[in-house]
Amino acid sequence: MKKILLLLLVGIAIALSVLVISSTLKPPTTPDKTPITQPHREDKIPSTAVKSTPGNDDYPPILHSDLYEKPIPLTNGVNTAGGEDSPFITIDGNTLYFFFTPDVSIPVEKQILDGVTGIYQSKKLANGTWSDANKVVLQDDGKIAIDGAEFVQGKKMYFASVREGYSGIHWFQAEYANGKWSNWRLADDALKKDEYDTGELHISPDGKTLYFHSPRAGGVGGLDIWYSEWINEEWSQPVNLASVNTAENEGWPAMNSDGTELWFTRTYLGSPAIYRSRLIGGSWGSPELIISQFAGEPTIDSEGNFYFVHHYYRNNTMLEADIYLAKKNTSR
């Protein structure tokens, strides 16, 4: 159990760092050497996979706050019998980005060749359901990559990637134009990845503060949340956010639309849980437990609803993962 939880807490972005991509790896091709058409993600889910539901969940999410309604999984346009993870909701609540892989039991070095693992996008429909998700292409034709840990602000996306031509994991940046993401380029230097060991990140709504998790020296213990300020056209020396960090792992930071709430994942009773800290008098207050039991990576829309990933476990084995929604309780 300890080994499984460690992998879960480290997350997709750090798990990818164990993979070294060589320029000799190529995606599948047809006999005439042309790339195979992008497969549909559900076609790659094992035929033996059984969809997990709240009704057969051995460890359902536990809500600890009456400020929110009972969390529910999103509709089929997003969730499948595969693994949906690392959600990011846009401020308007109408576009959801997430990481998908068809079989969570497959090692990452094989996922990179399945043609479907990566970042997906789904649109919220008028009836409250979600459209069929489409893969966000962030790599040149004929080259392979696994992308994840996405953060979107306006027309800019930061994402972590393991890709052909690079060793280990790197941060990239892409721009949204003409209805698609393009112009992706290395962003390690801009985020000072090598210097600060920058993990999954979130930039404040005003663009002035970068929050990220890192195991770098000087922390309280394990993964900690750090922040840097945008000064003189670069990110400043990071500071440990001591008011929210403990000897447990803290990471995967996210903020609400006005920058007054900092949400993050922390280990609680042996599994990931979601906490929230409020900005009080210019300082982050004592974190409050919001939801526990295999719940993590929160992301919040402008109405105060939050989305998160829930991992289904049975007999110490992760079966799959889904994106859940906990609506703000408007009666409060």
C-alpha atoms as a PDB file:
ATOM      1  CA  MET A   1       0.000   0.000   0.000  1.00  0.00           C
ATOM      2  CA  LYS A   2       2.806   2.417   0.878  1.00  0.00           C
ATOM      3  CA  LYS A   3       4.441   2.016  -2.532  1.00  0.00           C
ATOM      4  CA  ILE A   4       1.128   2.530  -4.363  1.00  0.00           C
ATOM      5  CA  LEU A   5       0.315   5.665  -2.367  1.00  0.00           C
ATOM      6  CA  LEU A   6       3.761   7.079  -2.987  1.00  0.00           C
ATOM      7  CA  LEU A   7       3.285   6.787  -6.748  1.00  0.00           C
ATOM      8  CA  LEU A   8      -0.146   8.357  -6.449  1.00  0.00           C
ATOM      9  CA  LEU A   9       1.125  11.323  -4.448  1.00  0.00           C
ATOM     10  CA  VAL A  10       4.067  11.992  -6.715  1.00  0.00           C
ATOM     11  CA  GLY A  11       1.626  12.212  -9.616  1.00  0.00           C
ATOM     12  CA  ILE A  12       1.731  11.934 -13.372  1.00  0.00           C
ATOM     13  CA  ALA A  13       4.202  14.776 -13.900  1.00  0.00           C
ATOM     14  CA  ILE A  14       6.889  13.274 -11.672  1.00  0.00           C
ATOM     15  CA  ALA A  15       6.130   9.696 -12.745  1.00  0.00           C
ATOM     16  CA  LEU A  16       6.893  10.702 -16.310  1.00  0.00           C
ATOM     17  CA  SER A  17      10.357  11.890 -15.298  1.00  0.00           C
ATOM     18  CA  VAL A  18      11.625   8.314 -15.060  1.00  0.00           C
ATOM     19  CA  LEU A  19      11.243   7.896 -18.803  1.00  0.00           C
ATOM     20  CA  VAL A  20      14.090   8.838 -21.132  1.00  0.00           C
ATOM     21  CA  ILE A  21      12.951   9.387 -24.713  1.00  0.00           C
ATOM     22  CA  SER A  22      15.497   8.738 -27.449  1.00  0.00           C
ATOM     23  CA  SER A  23      15.252  10.111 -30.962  1.00  0.00           C
ATOM     24  CA  THR A  24      15.044   6.548 -32.247  1.00  0.00           C
ATOM     25  CA  LEU A  25      11.526   6.032 -30.869  1.00  0.00           C
ATOM     26  CA  LYS A  26       8.830   6.526 -33.502  1.00  0.00           C
ATOM     27  CA  PRO A  27       5.038   6.317 -33.410  1.00  0.00           C
ATOM     28  CA  PRO A  28       3.280   3.444 -35.215  1.00  0.00           C
ATOM     29  CA  THR A  29       3.135   3.755 -39.002  1.00  0.00           C
ATOM     30  CA  THR A  30       1.405   2.071 -41.900  1.00  0.00           C
ATOM     31  CA  PRO A  31       3.416   0.008 -44.438  1.00  0.00           C
ATOM     32  CA  ASP A  32       3.905   3.131 -46.593  1.00  0.00           C
ATOM     33  CA  LYS A  33       5.465   4.877 -43.540  1.00  0.00           C
ATOM     34  CA  THR A  34       2.633   7.369 -42.991  1.00  0.00           C
ATOM     35  CA  PRO A  35       1.452   7.863 -39.386  1.00  0.00           C
ATOM     36  CA  ILE A  36      -1.601   5.886 -38.327  1.00  0.00           C
ATOM     37  CA  THR A  37      -4.741   7.986 -37.865  1.00  0.00           C
ATOM     38  CA  GLN A  38      -5.277   9.157 -34.296  1.00  0.00           C
ATOM     39  CA  PRO A  39      -7.338   6.409 -32.592  1.00  0.00           C
ATOM     40  CA  HIS A  40     -10.316   7.165 -30.373  1.00  0.00           C
ATOM     41  CA  ARG A  41      -9.311   6.993 -26.714  1.00  0.00           C
ATOM     42  CA  GLU A  42     -12.077   4.542 -25.716  1.00  0.00           C
ATOM     43  CA  ASP A  43     -10.892   2.056 -28.337  1.00  0.00           C
ATOM     44  CA  LYS A  44      -7.688   1.639 -26.331  1.00  0.00           C
ATOM     45  CA  ILE A  45      -9.401   0.830 -23.025  1.00  0.00           C
ATOM     46  CA  PRO A  46      -9.045  -2.922 -22.267  1.00  0.00           C
ATOM     47  CA  SER A  47     -12.162  -4.911 -23.124  1.00  0.00           C
ATOM     48  CA  THR A  48     -12.032  -6.429 -19.638  1.00  0.00           C
ATOM     49  CA  ALA A  49     -12.195  -3.034 -17.910  1.00  0.00           C
ATOM     50  CA  VAL A  50     -15.258  -2.509 -15.712  1.00  0.00           C
ATOM     51  CA  LYS A  51     -16.411   1.066 -15.140  1.00  0.00           C
ATOM     52  CA  SER A  52     -16.166   2.079 -11.483  1.00  0.00           C
ATOM     53  CA  THR A  53     -19.105   4.020 -10.064  1.00  0.00           C
ATOM     54  CA  PRO A  54     -20.044   5.532  -6.693  1.00  0.00           C
ATOM     55  CA  GLY A  55     -22.143   2.410  -6.122  1.00  0.00           C
ATOM     56  CA  ASN A  56     -19.195   0.026  -6.243  1.00  0.00           C
ATOM     57  CA  ASP A  57     -16.528   2.349  -4.811  1.00  0.00           C
ATOM     58  CA  ASP A  58     -14.760   0.858  -1.783  1.00  0.00           C
ATOM     59  CA  TYR A  59     -13.317   4.242  -0.781  1.00  0.00           C
ATOM     60  CA  PRO A  60     -15.687   7.029  -1.868  1.00  0.00           C
ATOM     61  CA  PRO A  61     -14.716  10.683  -1.349  1.00  0.00           C
ATOM     62  CA  ILE A  62     -15.643  12.019   2.096  1.00  0.00           C
ATOM     63  CA  LEU A  63     -16.935  15.601   2.218  1.00  0.00           C
ATOM     64  CA  HIS A  64     -15.934  17.569   5.339  1.00  0.00           C
ATOM     65  CA  SER A  65     -17.560  20.923   4.566  1.00  0.00           C
ATOM     66  CA  ASP A  66     -21.214  21.923   4.307  1.00  0.00           C
ATOM     67  CA  LEU A  67     -20.224  24.740   1.942  1.00  0.00           C
ATOM     68  CA  TYR A  68     -20.380  22.225  -0.920  1.00  0.00           C
ATOM     69  CA  GLU A  69     -22.802  19.629  -2.202  1.00  0.00           C
ATOM     70  CA  LYS A  70     -21.999  15.925  -2.313  1.00  0.00           C
ATOM     71  CA  PRO A  71     -19.416  15.327  -5.071  1.00  0.00           C
ATOM     72  CA  ILE A  72     -20.483  13.437  -8.182  1.00  0.00           C
ATOM     73  CA  PRO A  73     -18.536  12.093 -11.176  1.00  0.00           C
ATOM     74  CA  LEU A  74     -18.811  13.961 -14.464  1.00  0.00           C
ATOM     75  CA  THR A  75     -20.714  12.507 -17.400  1.00  0.00           C
ATOM     76  CA  ASN A  76     -19.489  10.036 -20.006  1.00  0.00           C
ATOM     77  CA  GLY A  77     -18.049  12.690 -22.301  1.00  0.00           C
ATOM     78  CA  VAL A  78     -15.247  13.004 -19.737  1.00  0.00           C
ATOM     79  CA  ASN A  79     -15.146   9.851 -17.602  1.00  0.00           C
ATOM     80  CA  THR A  80     -14.531   6.373 -18.981  1.00  0.00           C
ATOM     81  CA  ALA A  81     -13.305   3.019 -17.678  1.00  0.00           C
ATOM     82  CA  GLY A  82      -9.793   4.365 -18.261  1.00  0.00           C
ATOM     83  CA  GLY A  83      -7.933   6.876 -16.133  1.00  0.00           C
ATOM     84  CA  GLU A  84      -8.958  10.556 -16.149  1.00  0.00           C
ATOM     85  CA  ASP A  85      -6.636  12.656 -14.017  1.00  0.00           C
ATOM     86  CA  SER A  86      -5.103  16.098 -13.461  1.00  0.00           C
ATOM     87  CA  PRO A  87      -8.204  18.248 -14.196  1.00  0.00           C
ATOM     88  CA  PHE A  88      -8.118  21.956 -14.992  1.00  0.00           C
ATOM     89  CA  ILE A  89     -11.324  23.976 -15.372  1.00  0.00           C
ATOM     90  CA  THR A  90     -11.286  27.371 -17.072  1.00  0.00           C
ATOM     91  CA  ILE A  91     -12.549  30.311 -15.017  1.00  0.00           C
ATOM     92  CA  ASP A  92     -15.886  30.430 -16.877  1.00  0.00           C
ATOM     93  CA  GLY A  93     -16.483  26.761 -16.082  1.00  0.00           C
ATOM     94  CA  ASN A  94     -17.118  25.887 -19.728  1.00  0.00           C
ATOM     95  CA  THR A  95     -13.908  24.088 -20.735  1.00  0.00           C
ATOM     96  CA  LEU A  96     -12.292  21.218 -18.889  1.00  0.00           C
ATOM     97  CA  TYR A  97      -8.783  19.955 -19.578  1.00  0.00           C
ATOM     98  CA  PHE A  98      -7.565  16.670 -18.120  1.00  0.00           C
ATOM     99  CA  PHE A  99      -5.000  13.906 -18.530  1.00  0.00           C
ATOM    100  CA  PHE A 100      -6.154  10.540 -19.860  1.00  0.00           C
ATOM    101  CA  THR A 101      -4.563   7.135 -20.178  1.00  0.00           C
ATOM    102  CA  PRO A 102      -6.584   4.040 -21.174  1.00  0.00           C
ATOM    103  CA  ASP A 103      -5.083   1.581 -18.693  1.00  0.00           C
ATOM    104  CA  VAL A 104      -3.608   2.764 -15.382  1.00  0.00           C
ATOM    105  CA  SER A 105      -1.804  -0.557 -14.922  1.00  0.00           C
ATOM    106  CA  ILE A 106       0.381  -0.005 -17.992  1.00  0.00           C
ATOM    107  CA  PRO A 107       3.838   1.480 -17.244  1.00  0.00           C
ATOM    108  CA  VAL A 108       4.490   4.964 -18.584  1.00  0.00           C
ATOM    109  CA  GLU A 109       7.120   3.777 -21.056  1.00  0.00           C
ATOM    110  CA  LYS A 110       4.350   1.865 -22.849  1.00  0.00           C
ATOM    111  CA  GLN A 111       1.710   4.582 -22.494  1.00  0.00           C
ATOM    112  CA  ILE A 112       3.762   6.882 -24.664  1.00  0.00           C
ATOM    113  CA  LEU A 113       3.278   4.545 -27.625  1.00  0.00           C
ATOM    114  CA  ASP A 114      -0.481   3.945 -27.315  1.00  0.00           C
ATOM    115  CA  GLY A 115      -1.442   6.986 -29.401  1.00  0.00           C
ATOM    116  CA  VAL A 116      -4.096   8.266 -26.979  1.00  0.00           C
ATOM    117  CA  THR A 117      -2.450   9.052 -23.639  1.00  0.00           C
ATOM    118  CA  GLY A 118      -2.185  12.790 -23.049  1.00  0.00           C
ATOM    119  CA  ILE A 119      -4.170  15.981 -22.463  1.00  0.00           C
ATOM    120  CA  TYR A 120      -7.847  16.148 -23.471  1.00  0.00           C
ATOM    121  CA  GLN A 121     -10.427  18.918 -23.690  1.00  0.00           C
ATOM    122  CA  SER A 122     -14.194  18.751 -23.123  1.00  0.00           C
ATOM    123  CA  LYS A 123     -16.830  21.495 -23.421  1.00  0.00           C
ATOM    124  CA  LYS A 124     -19.750  21.995 -21.053  1.00  0.00           C
ATOM    125  CA  LEU A 125     -23.054  21.627 -22.906  1.00  0.00           C
ATOM    126  CA  ALA A 126     -26.256  23.614 -22.365  1.00  0.00           C
ATOM    127  CA  ASN A 127     -27.876  20.768 -20.420  1.00  0.00           C
ATOM    128  CA  GLY A 128     -24.969  20.559 -17.980  1.00  0.00           C
ATOM    129  CA  THR A 129     -23.387  17.438 -19.474  1.00  0.00           C
ATOM    130  CA  TRP A 130     -19.986  17.365 -21.164  1.00  0.00           C
ATOM    131  CA  SER A 131     -19.040  16.886 -24.800  1.00  0.00           C
ATOM    132  CA  ASP A 132     -16.941  13.969 -25.971  1.00  0.00           C
ATOM    133  CA  ALA A 133     -13.380  14.891 -25.103  1.00  0.00           C
ATOM    134  CA  ASN A 134     -10.815  15.460 -27.836  1.00  0.00           C
ATOM    135  CA  LYS A 135      -7.069  15.112 -27.511  1.00  0.00           C
ATOM    136  CA  VAL A 136      -5.109  18.360 -27.424  1.00  0.00           C
ATOM    137  CA  VAL A 137      -2.292  17.956 -29.946  1.00  0.00           C
ATOM    138  CA  LEU A 138       0.895  19.515 -28.574  1.00  0.00           C
ATOM    139  CA  GLN A 139       3.521  17.727 -30.642  1.00  0.00           C
ATOM    140  CA  ASP A 140       4.734  17.873 -34.250  1.00  0.00           C
ATOM    141  CA  ASP A 141       3.385  15.306 -36.716  1.00  0.00           C
ATOM    142  CA  GLY A 142       5.348  12.069 -36.637  1.00  0.00           C
ATOM    143  CA  LYS A 143       6.863  12.684 -33.210  1.00  0.00           C
ATOM    144  CA  ILE A 144       5.809  11.181 -29.894  1.00  0.00           C
ATOM    145  CA  ALA A 145       5.151  12.690 -26.479  1.00  0.00           C
ATOM    146  CA  ILE A 146       3.164  12.344 -23.283  1.00  0.00           C
ATOM    147  CA  ASP A 147       1.817  15.675 -22.045  1.00  0.00           C
ATOM    148  CA  GLY A 148       0.146  16.415 -18.717  1.00  0.00           C
ATOM    149  CA  ALA A 149      -0.003  18.725 -15.658  1.00  0.00           C
ATOM    150  CA  GLU A 150      -1.655  21.420 -17.786  1.00  0.00           C
ATOM    151  CA  PHE A 151      -2.311  24.969 -16.555  1.00  0.00           C
ATOM    152  CA  VAL A 152      -4.279  27.394 -18.738  1.00  0.00           C
ATOM    153  CA  GLN A 153      -4.510  31.159 -18.304  1.00  0.00           C
ATOM    154  CA  GLY A 154      -6.132  33.114 -21.110  1.00  0.00           C
ATOM    155  CA  LYS A 155      -4.530  32.048 -24.367  1.00  0.00           C
ATOM    156  CA  LYS A 156      -1.455  30.522 -22.746  1.00  0.00           C
ATOM    157  CA  MET A 157      -0.932  26.948 -21.573  1.00  0.00           C
ATOM    158  CA  TYR A 158       1.931  25.528 -19.530  1.00  0.00           C
ATOM    159  CA  PHE A 159       2.281  21.762 -19.538  1.00  0.00           C
ATOM    160  CA  ALA A 160       4.772  19.100 -18.505  1.00  0.00           C
ATOM    161  CA  SER A 161       5.986  16.762 -21.212  1.00  0.00           C
ATOM    162  CA  VAL A 162       8.175  13.767 -21.880  1.00  0.00           C
ATOM    163  CA  ARG A 163       8.923  13.787 -25.581  1.00  0.00           C
ATOM    164  CA  GLU A 164      11.145  12.673 -28.382  1.00  0.00           C
ATOM    165  CA  GLY A 165      14.492  14.454 -28.405  1.00  0.00           C
ATOM    166  CA  TYR A 166      14.509  15.270 -24.678  1.00  0.00           C
ATOM    167  CA  SER A 167      15.722  13.372 -21.628  1.00  0.00           C
ATOM    168  CA  GLY A 168      13.356  13.311 -18.641  1.00  0.00           C
ATOM    169  CA  ILE A 169      10.508  15.727 -18.018  1.00  0.00           C
ATOM    170  CA  HIS A 170      10.343  19.360 -19.143  1.00  0.00           C
ATOM    171  CA  TRP A 171       7.963  22.316 -18.991  1.00  0.00           C
ATOM    172  CA  PHE A 172       6.570  23.636 -22.269  1.00  0.00           C
ATOM    173  CA  GLN A 173       4.359  26.574 -23.209  1.00  0.00           C
ATOM    174  CA  ALA A 174       1.730  26.742 -25.965  1.00  0.00           C
ATOM    175  CA  GLU A 175      -0.511  29.506 -27.357  1.00  0.00           C
ATOM    176  CA  TYR A 176      -4.153  29.379 -28.399  1.00  0.00           C
ATOM    177  CA  ALA A 177      -4.884  30.858 -31.830  1.00  0.00           C
ATOM    178  CA  ASN A 178      -7.300  30.110 -34.674  1.00  0.00           C
ATOM    179  CA  GLY A 179      -9.199  27.566 -32.618  1.00  0.00           C
ATOM    180  CA  LYS A 180      -6.268  25.384 -31.569  1.00  0.00           C
ATOM    181  CA  TRP A 181      -3.178  25.209 -29.396  1.00  0.00           C
ATOM    182  CA  SER A 182       0.051  25.784 -31.270  1.00  0.00           C
ATOM    183  CA  ASN A 183       3.533  27.318 -31.142  1.00  0.00           C
ATOM    184  CA  TRP A 184       4.643  25.027 -28.316  1.00  0.00           C
ATOM    185  CA  ARG A 185       8.129  25.683 -27.032  1.00  0.00           C
ATOM    186  CA  LEU A 186      10.390  24.820 -24.106  1.00  0.00           C
ATOM    187  CA  ALA A 187       9.607  26.829 -20.950  1.00  0.00           C
ATOM    188  CA  ASP A 188      12.116  25.388 -18.460  1.00  0.00           C
ATOM    189  CA  ASP A 189      14.161  28.586 -18.370  1.00  0.00           C
ATOM    190  CA  ALA A 190      11.118  30.859 -17.938  1.00  0.00           C
ATOM    191  CA  LEU A 191       9.940  28.755 -14.973  1.00  0.00           C
ATOM    192  CA  LYS A 192      13.504  28.151 -13.718  1.00  0.00           C
ATOM    193  CA  LYS A 193      12.792  24.446 -13.568  1.00  0.00           C
ATOM    194  CA  ASP A 194      16.384  23.275 -13.208  1.00  0.00           C
ATOM    195  CA  GLU A 195      17.200  25.904 -10.602  1.00  0.00           C
ATOM    196  CA  TYR A 196      14.087  25.537  -8.440  1.00  0.00           C
ATOM    197  CA  ASP A 197      12.826  22.003  -9.253  1.00  0.00           C
ATOM    198  CA  THR A 198       9.433  23.364 -10.283  1.00  0.00           C
ATOM    199  CA  GLY A 199       6.595  20.840  -9.953  1.00  0.00           C
ATOM    200  CA  GLU A 200       2.915  21.244 -10.907  1.00  0.00           C
ATOM    201  CA  LEU A 201       2.072  24.919 -10.949  1.00  0.00           C
ATOM    202  CA  HIS A 202      -0.589  27.611 -10.777  1.00  0.00           C
ATOM    203  CA  ILE A 203      -0.222  31.316 -11.556  1.00  0.00           C
ATOM    204  CA  SER A 204      -2.432  33.762  -9.626  1.00  0.00           C
ATOM    205  CA  PRO A 205      -5.264  35.474 -11.558  1.00  0.00           C
ATOM    206  CA  ASP A 206      -3.326  38.759 -11.624  1.00  0.00           C
ATOM    207  CA  GLY A 207      -0.284  36.973 -13.066  1.00  0.00           C
ATOM    208  CA  LYS A 208       2.001  38.190 -10.280  1.00  0.00           C
ATOM    209  CA  THR A 209       2.565  35.039  -8.203  1.00  0.00           C
ATOM    210  CA  LEU A 210       3.608  31.539  -9.250  1.00  0.00           C
ATOM    211  CA  TYR A 211       2.714  28.691  -6.894  1.00  0.00           C
ATOM    212  CA  PHE A 212       4.239  25.242  -7.364  1.00  0.00           C
ATOM    213  CA  HIS A 213       5.132  22.128  -5.442  1.00  0.00           C
ATOM    214  CA  SER A 214       8.665  20.901  -5.033  1.00  0.00           C
ATOM    215  CA  PRO A 215      10.797  18.573  -2.883  1.00  0.00           C
ATOM    216  CA  ARG A 216      13.657  21.117  -3.009  1.00  0.00           C
ATOM    217  CA  ALA A 217      15.900  21.645  -0.007  1.00  0.00           C
ATOM    218  CA  GLY A 218      14.710  24.001   2.714  1.00  0.00           C
ATOM    219  CA  GLY A 219      11.161  22.729   2.877  1.00  0.00           C
ATOM    220  CA  VAL A 220       9.143  21.476   5.820  1.00  0.00           C
ATOM    221  CA  GLY A 221       9.022  17.870   4.604  1.00  0.00           C
ATOM    222  CA  GLY A 222       8.348  15.829   1.465  1.00  0.00           C
ATOM    223  CA  LEU A 223       6.609  17.912  -1.183  1.00  0.00           C
ATOM    224  CA  ASP A 224       5.956  21.514  -0.165  1.00  0.00           C
ATOM    225  CA  ILE A 225       4.192  24.433  -1.818  1.00  0.00           C
ATOM    226  CA  TRP A 226       6.464  27.328  -2.789  1.00  0.00           C
ATOM    227  CA  TYR A 227       5.773  30.663  -4.421  1.00  0.00           C
ATOM    228  CA  SER A 228       7.679  33.142  -6.584  1.00  0.00           C
ATOM    229  CA  GLU A 229       6.771  36.717  -7.503  1.00  0.00           C
ATOM    230  CA  TRP A 230       6.997  38.292 -10.958  1.00  0.00           C
ATOM    231  CA  ILE A 231       9.631  41.009 -10.520  1.00  0.00           C
ATOM    232  CA  ASN A 232      11.679  42.721 -13.234  1.00  0.00           C
ATOM    233  CA  GLU A 233      10.303  40.402 -15.914  1.00  0.00           C
ATOM    234  CA  GLU A 234      11.279  37.172 -14.171  1.00  0.00           C
ATOM    235  CA  TRP A 235      10.201  34.922 -11.308  1.00  0.00           C
ATOM    236  CA  SER A 236      11.923  35.731  -8.028  1.00  0.00           C
ATOM    237  CA  GLN A 237      13.731  33.380  -5.681  1.00  0.00           C
ATOM    238  CA  PRO A 238      10.988  31.027  -4.358  1.00  0.00           C
ATOM    239  CA  VAL A 239       9.734  31.203  -0.793  1.00  0.00           C
ATOM    240  CA  ASN A 240       8.351  28.277   1.167  1.00  0.00           C
ATOM    241  CA  LEU A 241       4.654  28.831   1.944  1.00  0.00           C
ATOM    242  CA  ALA A 242       5.164  27.807   5.561  1.00  0.00           C
ATOM    243  CA  SER A 243       1.606  28.634   6.657  1.00  0.00           C
ATOM    244  CA  VAL A 244       0.191  25.685   4.665  1.00  0.00           C
ATOM    245  CA  ASN A 245       3.080  23.207   4.651  1.00  0.00           C
ATOM    246  CA  THR A 246       3.565  20.326   7.090  1.00  0.00           C
ATOM    247  CA  ALA A 247       5.702  17.211   7.357  1.00  0.00           C
ATOM    248  CA  GLU A 248       3.137  15.575   5.043  1.00  0.00           C
ATOM    249  CA  ASN A 249       3.133  16.070   1.262  1.00  0.00           C
ATOM    250  CA  GLU A 250       1.500  19.291   0.032  1.00  0.00           C
ATOM    251  CA  GLY A 251       1.168  20.001  -3.672  1.00  0.00           C
ATOM    252  CA  TRP A 252      -0.963  20.536  -6.783  1.00  0.00           C
ATOM    253  CA  PRO A 253      -1.900  24.152  -5.886  1.00  0.00           C
ATOM    254  CA  ALA A 254      -4.895  25.950  -7.428  1.00  0.00           C
ATOM    255  CA  MET A 255      -6.620  29.283  -6.803  1.00  0.00           C
ATOM    256  CA  ASN A 256     -10.154  30.586  -7.082  1.00  0.00           C
ATOM    257  CA  SER A 257     -11.008  33.291  -9.613  1.00  0.00           C
ATOM    258  CA  ASP A 258     -10.256  36.296  -7.378  1.00  0.00           C
ATOM    259  CA  GLY A 259      -7.108  34.871  -5.790  1.00  0.00           C
ATOM    260  CA  THR A 260      -8.489  34.791  -2.237  1.00  0.00           C
ATOM    261  CA  GLU A 261      -8.435  30.999  -1.833  1.00  0.00           C
ATOM    262  CA  LEU A 262      -5.530  28.599  -2.249  1.00  0.00           C
ATOM    263  CA  TRP A 263      -6.507  24.968  -2.742  1.00  0.00           C
ATOM    264  CA  PHE A 264      -4.076  22.050  -2.665  1.00  0.00           C
ATOM    265  CA  THR A 265      -3.596  18.331  -2.029  1.00  0.00           C
ATOM    266  CA  ARG A 266      -2.198  16.990   1.246  1.00  0.00           C
ATOM    267  CA  THR A 267      -1.811  13.472   2.599  1.00  0.00           C
ATOM    268  CA  TYR A 268      -4.532  12.734   5.166  1.00  0.00           C
ATOM    269  CA  LEU A 269      -4.864   9.371   6.933  1.00  0.00           C
ATOM    270  CA  GLY A 270      -2.680   7.723   4.311  1.00  0.00           C
ATOM    271  CA  SER A 271      -4.318   8.992   1.114  1.00  0.00           C
ATOM    272  CA  PRO A 272      -4.607  12.297  -0.788  1.00  0.00           C
ATOM    273  CA  ALA A 273      -7.119  14.868   0.426  1.00  0.00           C
ATOM    274  CA  ILE A 274      -8.076  18.407  -0.589  1.00  0.00           C
ATOM    275  CA  TYR A 275      -7.512  21.440   1.625  1.00  0.00           C
ATOM    276  CA  ARG A 276      -8.335  25.122   1.268  1.00  0.00           C
ATOM    277  CA  SER A 277      -6.580  28.161   2.756  1.00  0.00           C
ATOM    278  CA  ARG A 278      -8.090  31.650   2.712  1.00  0.00           C
ATOM    279  CA  LEU A 279      -6.245  34.929   2.266  1.00  0.00           C
ATOM    280  CA  ILE A 280      -6.727  36.892   5.493  1.00  0.00           C
ATOM    281  CA  GLY A 281      -5.068  40.265   5.949  1.00  0.00           C
ATOM    282  CA  GLY A 282      -2.580  39.527   3.198  1.00  0.00           C
ATOM    283  CA  SER A 283      -1.532  36.136   4.636  1.00  0.00           C
ATOM    284  CA  TRP A 284      -2.696  32.586   3.983  1.00  0.00           C
ATOM    285  CA  GLY A 285      -4.697  31.223   6.917  1.00  0.00           C
ATOM    286  CA  SER A 286      -4.713  27.780   8.484  1.00  0.00           C
ATOM    287  CA  PRO A 287      -5.862  25.220   5.880  1.00  0.00           C
ATOM    288  CA  GLU A 288      -9.285  23.594   6.178  1.00  0.00           C
ATOM    289  CA  LEU A 289      -9.943  19.985   5.160  1.00  0.00           C
ATOM    290  CA  ILE A 290     -12.593  19.974   2.418  1.00  0.00           C
ATOM    291  CA  ILE A 291     -12.687  16.440   1.036  1.00  0.00           C
ATOM    292  CA  SER A 292     -10.670  13.307   1.769  1.00  0.00           C
ATOM    293  CA  GLN A 293     -10.068   9.713   0.703  1.00  0.00           C
ATOM    294  CA  PHE A 294      -8.280   9.441  -2.650  1.00  0.00           C
ATOM    295  CA  ALA A 295      -9.261  12.974  -3.703  1.00  0.00           C
ATOM    296  CA  GLY A 296      -6.774  15.459  -5.115  1.00  0.00           C
ATOM    297  CA  GLU A 297      -5.718  18.060  -7.679  1.00  0.00           C
ATOM    298  CA  PRO A 298      -8.554  20.577  -7.142  1.00  0.00           C
ATOM    299  CA  THR A 299      -9.507  23.193  -9.748  1.00  0.00           C
ATOM    300  CA  ILE A 300     -12.140  25.906  -9.217  1.00  0.00           C
ATOM    301  CA  ASP A 301     -14.475  27.847 -11.509  1.00  0.00           C
ATOM    302  CA  SER A 302     -15.715  31.429 -11.028  1.00  0.00           C
ATOM    303  CA  GLU A 303     -18.902  30.232  -9.291  1.00  0.00           C
ATOM    304  CA  GLY A 304     -16.905  28.482  -6.583  1.00  0.00           C
ATOM    305  CA  ASN A 305     -17.593  24.928  -7.773  1.00  0.00           C
ATOM    306  CA  PHE A 306     -14.551  22.681  -7.594  1.00  0.00           C
ATOM    307  CA  TYR A 307     -13.449  19.720  -9.676  1.00  0.00           C
ATOM    308  CA  PHE A 308     -10.967  17.061  -8.590  1.00  0.00           C
ATOM    309  CA  VAL A 309      -9.640  13.627  -9.421  1.00  0.00           C
ATOM    310  CA  HIS A 310     -10.819  10.585  -7.484  1.00  0.00           C
ATOM    311  CA  HIS A 311      -8.882   7.321  -7.692  1.00  0.00           C
ATOM    312  CA  TYR A 312     -10.721   4.040  -7.242  1.00  0.00           C
ATOM    313  CA  TYR A 313      -8.879   1.410  -5.217  1.00  0.00           C
ATOM    314  CA  ARG A 314      -9.609  -2.201  -4.377  1.00  0.00           C
ATOM    315  CA  ASN A 315      -7.297  -4.615  -2.553  1.00  0.00           C
ATOM    316  CA  ASN A 316      -4.471  -2.052  -2.609  1.00  0.00           C
ATOM    317  CA  THR A 317      -4.690  -1.735  -6.384  1.00  0.00           C
ATOM    318  CA  MET A 318      -5.747   1.352  -8.297  1.00  0.00           C
ATOM    319  CA  LEU A 319      -8.499   0.413 -10.762  1.00  0.00           C
ATOM    320  CA  GLU A 320      -9.032   3.724 -12.550  1.00  0.00           C
ATOM    321  CA  ALA A 321      -9.608   7.436 -11.950  1.00  0.00           C
ATOM    322  CA  ASP A 322     -12.480   9.852 -12.670  1.00  0.00           C
ATOM    323  CA  ILE A 323     -13.044  13.594 -12.561  1.00  0.00           C
ATOM    324  CA  TYR A 324     -15.577  14.642  -9.906  1.00  0.00           C
ATOM    325  CA  LEU A 325     -17.501  17.863  -9.292  1.00  0.00           C
ATOM    326  CA  ALA A 326     -18.543  19.326  -5.935  1.00  0.00           C
ATOM    327  CA  LYS A 327     -20.925  22.235  -6.479  1.00  0.00           C
ATOM    328  CA  LYS A 328     -20.959  25.197  -4.140  1.00  0.00           C
ATOM    329  CA  ASN A 329     -23.896  24.972  -1.760  1.00  0.00           C
ATOM    330  CA  THR A 330     -25.979  28.009  -2.741  1.00  0.00           C
ATOM    331  CA  SER A 331     -28.253  27.568   0.270  1.00  0.00           C
ATOM    332  CA  ARG A 332     -25.431  28.560   2.603  1.00  0.00           C
END
